[in-house]
Amino acid sequence: MDGKDVSEVLSGYFIWGIDDAPYGPVELAVLTDWIKDARVLPDTWVFARGTGAWQQASDIPELKQFFNQPMGVEVGVGTSSRAGVTPGSLRRIKILADLNDAQLDHLLDFLELQRVSQWSVVVKQGEQGDAMYLVLSGELRARTLVGGRETILATFTAGDFFGDMSLFDHGPRSADVVANVDSTVLRISVVAFDRLTREAPALATPFLRATARTLAARIRADNKRFNQLTQQFNASAGNG
């Protein structure tokens, strides 16, 4: 094997990132450091060369011990290190990817960590919006119920955010958001956001700019879909 030991060839892990791309190979020591920095979470998909299979990190025998640290259901601001939330884990959120460690560490002062059990309703349609949520792990869906029938509007996974409009207009929620699986989210309340803009405008500016870019991309995508539907409708009407 070109001088390589069999164990060397079979060692190493690949990590499936939130951008839907694999990273690696990395050795076990590096991987455990990433777990400690919360760059790899229990539900992160990891490929182990030794077994030749993709598994969630918490299901891999040699990694299980690193996910046994208890975490609070809801942890505020200054307890981020005890909760296992680090600048590295925050960088998994797409709108925070360009912030440096010092900025992310400061942002933790304005966030609350929440563990959400499967099927729990995080926000309820019609209720006044009072917070924005950043998804650290898991999967949630936005839905509406009409006549008892559910329509899924969007699905949120690690790196996504929802509830952002409430920070600006405090209006009623337009849909329910329900956890499809056990999930972890970071909550920034309207009160905390107002404090962020007053106390740390240099941090609030890139946060708002990144949020606005994502919202603009969503609007453009919605407009494109609407135009496509309009063209399809006009074409079918013309053929009729």
Protein backbone atom coordinates (compact mmCIF):
# COMPACT_ATOMS: atom_id res chain seq x y z
CA MET A 1 0.00 0.00 0.00
CA ASP A 2 2.78 2.40 -0.99
CA GLY A 3 4.36 2.15 2.44
CA LYS A 4 1.23 3.18 4.31
CA ASP A 5 0.06 1.23 7.33
CA VAL A 6 -3.44 -0.25 6.98
CA SER A 7 -4.59 1.56 10.13
CA GLU A 8 -3.46 4.87 8.62
CA VAL A 9 -5.46 4.25 5.47
CA LEU A 10 -8.59 3.30 7.43
CA SER A 11 -8.34 6.14 9.92
CA GLY A 12 -9.92 9.53 9.45
CA TYR A 13 -13.37 11.03 9.34
CA PHE A 14 -15.35 13.17 6.93
CA ILE A 15 -17.87 15.69 8.26
CA TRP A 16 -20.96 16.75 6.32
CA GLY A 17 -21.16 20.53 6.65
CA ILE A 18 -24.23 22.79 6.81
CA ASP A 19 -23.38 23.90 3.25
CA ASP A 20 -24.08 20.32 2.07
CA ALA A 21 -20.42 19.58 1.40
CA PRO A 22 -18.09 17.03 3.05
CA TYR A 23 -14.96 18.11 4.90
CA GLY A 24 -11.96 15.93 5.68
CA PRO A 25 -10.40 13.62 6.23
CA VAL A 26 -9.57 14.64 9.81
CA GLU A 27 -8.11 12.56 12.61
CA LEU A 28 -9.99 11.66 15.78
CA ALA A 29 -8.11 14.25 17.86
CA VAL A 30 -9.15 17.04 15.48
CA LEU A 31 -12.71 15.79 15.38
CA THR A 32 -13.00 15.74 19.18
CA ASP A 33 -11.67 19.30 19.31
CA TRP A 34 -14.39 20.30 16.87
CA ILE A 35 -16.97 18.64 19.09
CA LYS A 36 -15.69 20.58 22.11
CA ASP A 37 -15.91 23.80 20.08
CA ALA A 38 -19.48 22.83 19.03
CA ARG A 39 -18.48 22.87 15.38
CA VAL A 40 -19.68 19.25 15.29
CA LEU A 41 -22.99 18.59 17.04
CA PRO A 42 -24.76 15.32 17.99
CA ASP A 43 -26.79 15.30 14.77
CA THR A 44 -23.86 16.15 12.47
CA TRP A 45 -23.32 13.42 9.87
CA VAL A 46 -19.85 11.88 10.03
CA PHE A 47 -18.28 9.29 7.73
CA ALA A 48 -15.81 6.97 9.47
CA ARG A 49 -13.35 5.27 7.12
CA GLY A 50 -13.08 2.36 9.53
CA THR A 51 -16.75 1.41 9.13
CA GLY A 52 -17.33 2.86 5.68
CA ALA A 53 -20.66 4.38 6.71
CA TRP A 54 -22.24 7.76 7.45
CA GLN A 55 -23.65 8.11 10.98
CA GLN A 56 -24.76 10.91 13.22
CA ALA A 57 -21.84 11.89 15.43
CA SER A 58 -23.58 10.89 18.67
CA ASP A 59 -24.09 7.33 17.31
CA ILE A 60 -20.39 6.69 16.66
CA PRO A 61 -18.99 4.66 19.60
CA GLU A 62 -15.71 6.55 19.92
CA LEU A 63 -17.55 9.91 19.94
CA LYS A 64 -20.50 9.15 22.24
CA GLN A 65 -18.65 10.14 25.40
CA PHE A 66 -18.22 13.69 24.13
CA PHE A 67 -21.98 14.25 23.90
CA ASN A 68 -22.83 13.27 27.46
CA GLN A 69 -22.30 16.77 28.84
CA PRO A 70 -25.65 18.03 30.23
CA MET A 71 -27.04 21.24 28.80
CA GLY A 72 -29.76 23.45 30.22
CA VAL A 73 -33.15 23.77 28.60
CA GLU A 74 -32.76 27.51 28.36
CA VAL A 75 -29.52 29.30 29.05
CA GLY A 76 -29.05 33.03 28.96
CA VAL A 77 -26.31 35.20 27.96
CA GLY A 78 -23.31 34.83 30.24
CA THR A 79 -23.55 31.04 30.65
CA SER A 80 -22.65 30.30 27.04
CA SER A 81 -19.46 28.38 27.85
CA ARG A 82 -21.30 26.15 30.33
CA ALA A 83 -23.96 25.50 27.71
CA GLY A 84 -21.40 24.52 25.10
CA VAL A 85 -22.17 27.40 22.76
CA THR A 86 -18.99 28.91 21.36
CA PRO A 87 -18.07 31.34 18.58
CA GLY A 88 -17.31 28.25 16.48
CA SER A 89 -20.84 26.91 16.87
CA LEU A 90 -22.36 30.32 16.15
CA ARG A 91 -20.44 30.45 12.89
CA ARG A 92 -22.58 27.51 11.74
CA ILE A 93 -25.40 30.06 11.39
CA LYS A 94 -25.13 31.33 7.83
CA ILE A 95 -25.80 34.99 8.62
CA LEU A 96 -23.05 34.94 11.27
CA ALA A 97 -20.37 33.23 9.15
CA ASP A 98 -18.43 36.44 8.45
CA LEU A 99 -18.22 37.64 12.06
CA ASN A 100 -14.96 37.17 13.93
CA ASP A 101 -14.60 35.33 17.23
CA ALA A 102 -14.68 38.49 19.33
CA GLN A 103 -17.92 39.64 17.67
CA LEU A 104 -19.52 36.22 18.06
CA ASP A 105 -18.48 36.00 21.70
CA HIS A 106 -20.09 39.40 22.32
CA LEU A 107 -23.24 38.35 20.46
CA LEU A 108 -23.66 35.50 22.95
CA ASP A 109 -24.47 38.16 25.55
CA PHE A 110 -27.76 38.81 23.72
CA LEU A 111 -28.86 35.23 23.02
CA GLU A 112 -30.74 32.51 24.90
CA LEU A 113 -30.24 28.81 24.21
CA GLN A 114 -33.36 26.64 23.99
CA ARG A 115 -33.68 22.88 23.64
CA VAL A 116 -36.85 22.06 21.72
CA SER A 117 -38.31 18.57 21.92
CA GLN A 118 -39.83 16.87 18.87
CA TRP A 119 -43.34 18.09 17.94
CA SER A 120 -43.06 21.15 20.21
CA VAL A 121 -44.51 24.40 18.83
CA VAL A 122 -41.83 27.08 19.01
CA VAL A 123 -43.99 29.92 17.71
CA LYS A 124 -47.74 29.93 17.17
CA GLN A 125 -49.60 31.54 14.30
CA GLY A 126 -51.41 34.71 15.34
CA GLU A 127 -49.37 35.33 18.47
CA GLN A 128 -47.44 38.58 18.71
CA GLY A 129 -43.87 38.09 17.55
CA ASP A 130 -41.34 38.78 20.26
CA ALA A 131 -38.15 37.02 19.09
CA MET A 132 -36.03 35.75 16.22
CA TYR A 133 -34.60 32.22 16.26
CA LEU A 134 -31.31 30.82 14.93
CA VAL A 135 -31.17 27.04 14.35
CA LEU A 136 -28.09 25.35 15.80
CA SER A 137 -29.21 21.76 15.23
CA GLY A 138 -32.24 19.70 14.30
CA GLU A 139 -35.07 20.48 11.91
CA LEU A 140 -38.23 22.56 12.19
CA ARG A 141 -41.07 23.37 9.81
CA ALA A 142 -43.24 26.43 9.27
CA ARG A 143 -46.87 25.44 8.71
CA THR A 144 -50.39 26.77 8.44
CA LEU A 145 -53.54 24.87 9.34
CA VAL A 146 -56.65 25.42 7.26
CA GLY A 147 -59.67 23.27 7.97
CA GLY A 148 -57.50 20.94 9.98
CA ARG A 149 -55.17 20.35 7.04
CA GLU A 150 -51.49 21.27 7.28
CA THR A 151 -49.60 23.14 4.59
CA ILE A 152 -45.82 23.24 5.01
CA LEU A 153 -44.40 26.62 4.03
CA ALA A 154 -40.70 26.09 4.79
CA THR A 155 -38.25 23.78 6.52
CA PHE A 156 -35.44 25.08 8.72
CA THR A 157 -32.26 23.14 9.46
CA ALA A 158 -28.92 23.97 11.12
CA GLY A 159 -27.68 27.33 9.91
CA ASP A 160 -31.13 28.78 9.13
CA PHE A 161 -33.15 31.40 11.00
CA PHE A 162 -36.82 32.34 11.34
CA GLY A 163 -39.05 34.85 13.09
CA ASP A 164 -36.87 37.75 11.98
CA MET A 165 -39.73 40.09 11.03
CA SER A 166 -40.83 40.25 14.66
CA LEU A 167 -37.66 42.20 15.48
CA PHE A 168 -38.85 45.01 13.22
CA ASP A 169 -42.67 45.16 13.34
CA HIS A 170 -43.61 43.10 16.45
CA GLY A 171 -46.57 41.88 14.39
CA PRO A 172 -48.48 38.59 14.69
CA ARG A 173 -46.80 35.37 13.61
CA SER A 174 -47.82 34.34 10.09
CA ALA A 175 -47.39 30.60 10.75
CA ASP A 176 -46.65 27.96 13.36
CA VAL A 177 -43.09 26.67 13.64
CA VAL A 178 -42.91 23.08 14.88
CA ALA A 179 -39.87 20.92 15.65
CA ASN A 180 -39.72 17.87 13.37
CA VAL A 181 -37.00 16.37 15.61
CA ASP A 182 -35.32 17.34 18.86
CA SER A 183 -33.66 20.65 18.02
CA THR A 184 -31.51 23.40 19.49
CA VAL A 185 -32.20 27.04 18.75
CA LEU A 186 -30.82 30.38 19.85
CA ARG A 187 -33.40 33.05 20.66
CA ILE A 188 -32.84 36.77 20.38
CA SER A 189 -35.79 38.61 21.89
CA VAL A 190 -37.07 42.01 20.80
CA VAL A 191 -35.78 43.43 24.09
CA ALA A 192 -32.32 41.88 23.58
CA PHE A 193 -32.23 43.09 19.98
CA ASP A 194 -33.05 46.65 21.03
CA ARG A 195 -30.27 46.43 23.62
CA LEU A 196 -27.89 45.11 20.94
CA THR A 197 -28.54 48.10 18.68
CA ARG A 198 -28.03 50.54 21.57
CA GLU A 199 -25.05 48.95 23.29
CA ALA A 200 -23.19 47.39 20.37
CA PRO A 201 -24.05 49.19 17.09
CA ALA A 202 -20.78 47.99 15.52
CA LEU A 203 -22.00 44.42 16.05
CA ALA A 204 -25.64 45.10 15.18
CA THR A 205 -24.69 46.53 11.77
CA PRO A 206 -23.11 43.39 10.23
CA PHE A 207 -25.83 41.26 11.87
CA LEU A 208 -28.56 43.36 10.24
CA ARG A 209 -26.72 43.55 6.91
CA ALA A 210 -26.39 39.75 6.70
CA THR A 211 -30.04 39.27 7.72
CA ALA A 212 -31.16 41.77 5.08
CA ARG A 213 -29.14 39.99 2.38
CA THR A 214 -30.82 36.69 3.21
CA LEU A 215 -34.29 38.28 3.28
CA ALA A 216 -33.63 39.92 -0.10
CA ALA A 217 -32.57 36.55 -1.55
CA ARG A 218 -35.76 34.96 -0.22
CA ILE A 219 -37.91 37.71 -1.76
CA ARG A 220 -36.16 37.37 -5.11
CA ALA A 221 -36.69 33.60 -5.04
CA ASP A 222 -40.39 34.07 -4.20
CA ASN A 223 -40.77 36.62 -7.01
CA LYS A 224 -39.13 34.22 -9.45
CA ARG A 225 -41.50 31.42 -8.43
CA PHE A 226 -44.49 33.78 -8.71
CA ASN A 227 -43.45 34.88 -12.20
CA GLN A 228 -43.00 31.27 -13.28
CA LEU A 229 -46.48 30.39 -11.99
CA THR A 230 -47.93 33.43 -13.75
CA GLN A 231 -46.31 32.43 -17.03
CA GLN A 232 -47.57 28.86 -16.67
CA PHE A 233 -51.09 30.11 -15.92
CA ASN A 234 -51.07 32.50 -18.88
CA ALA A 235 -49.78 29.76 -21.18
CA SER A 236 -52.46 27.31 -20.07
CA ALA A 237 -55.15 29.99 -20.39
CA GLY A 238 -53.97 30.83 -23.91
CA ASN A 239 -54.08 27.17 -24.92
CA GLY A 240 -57.60 26.94 -23.54
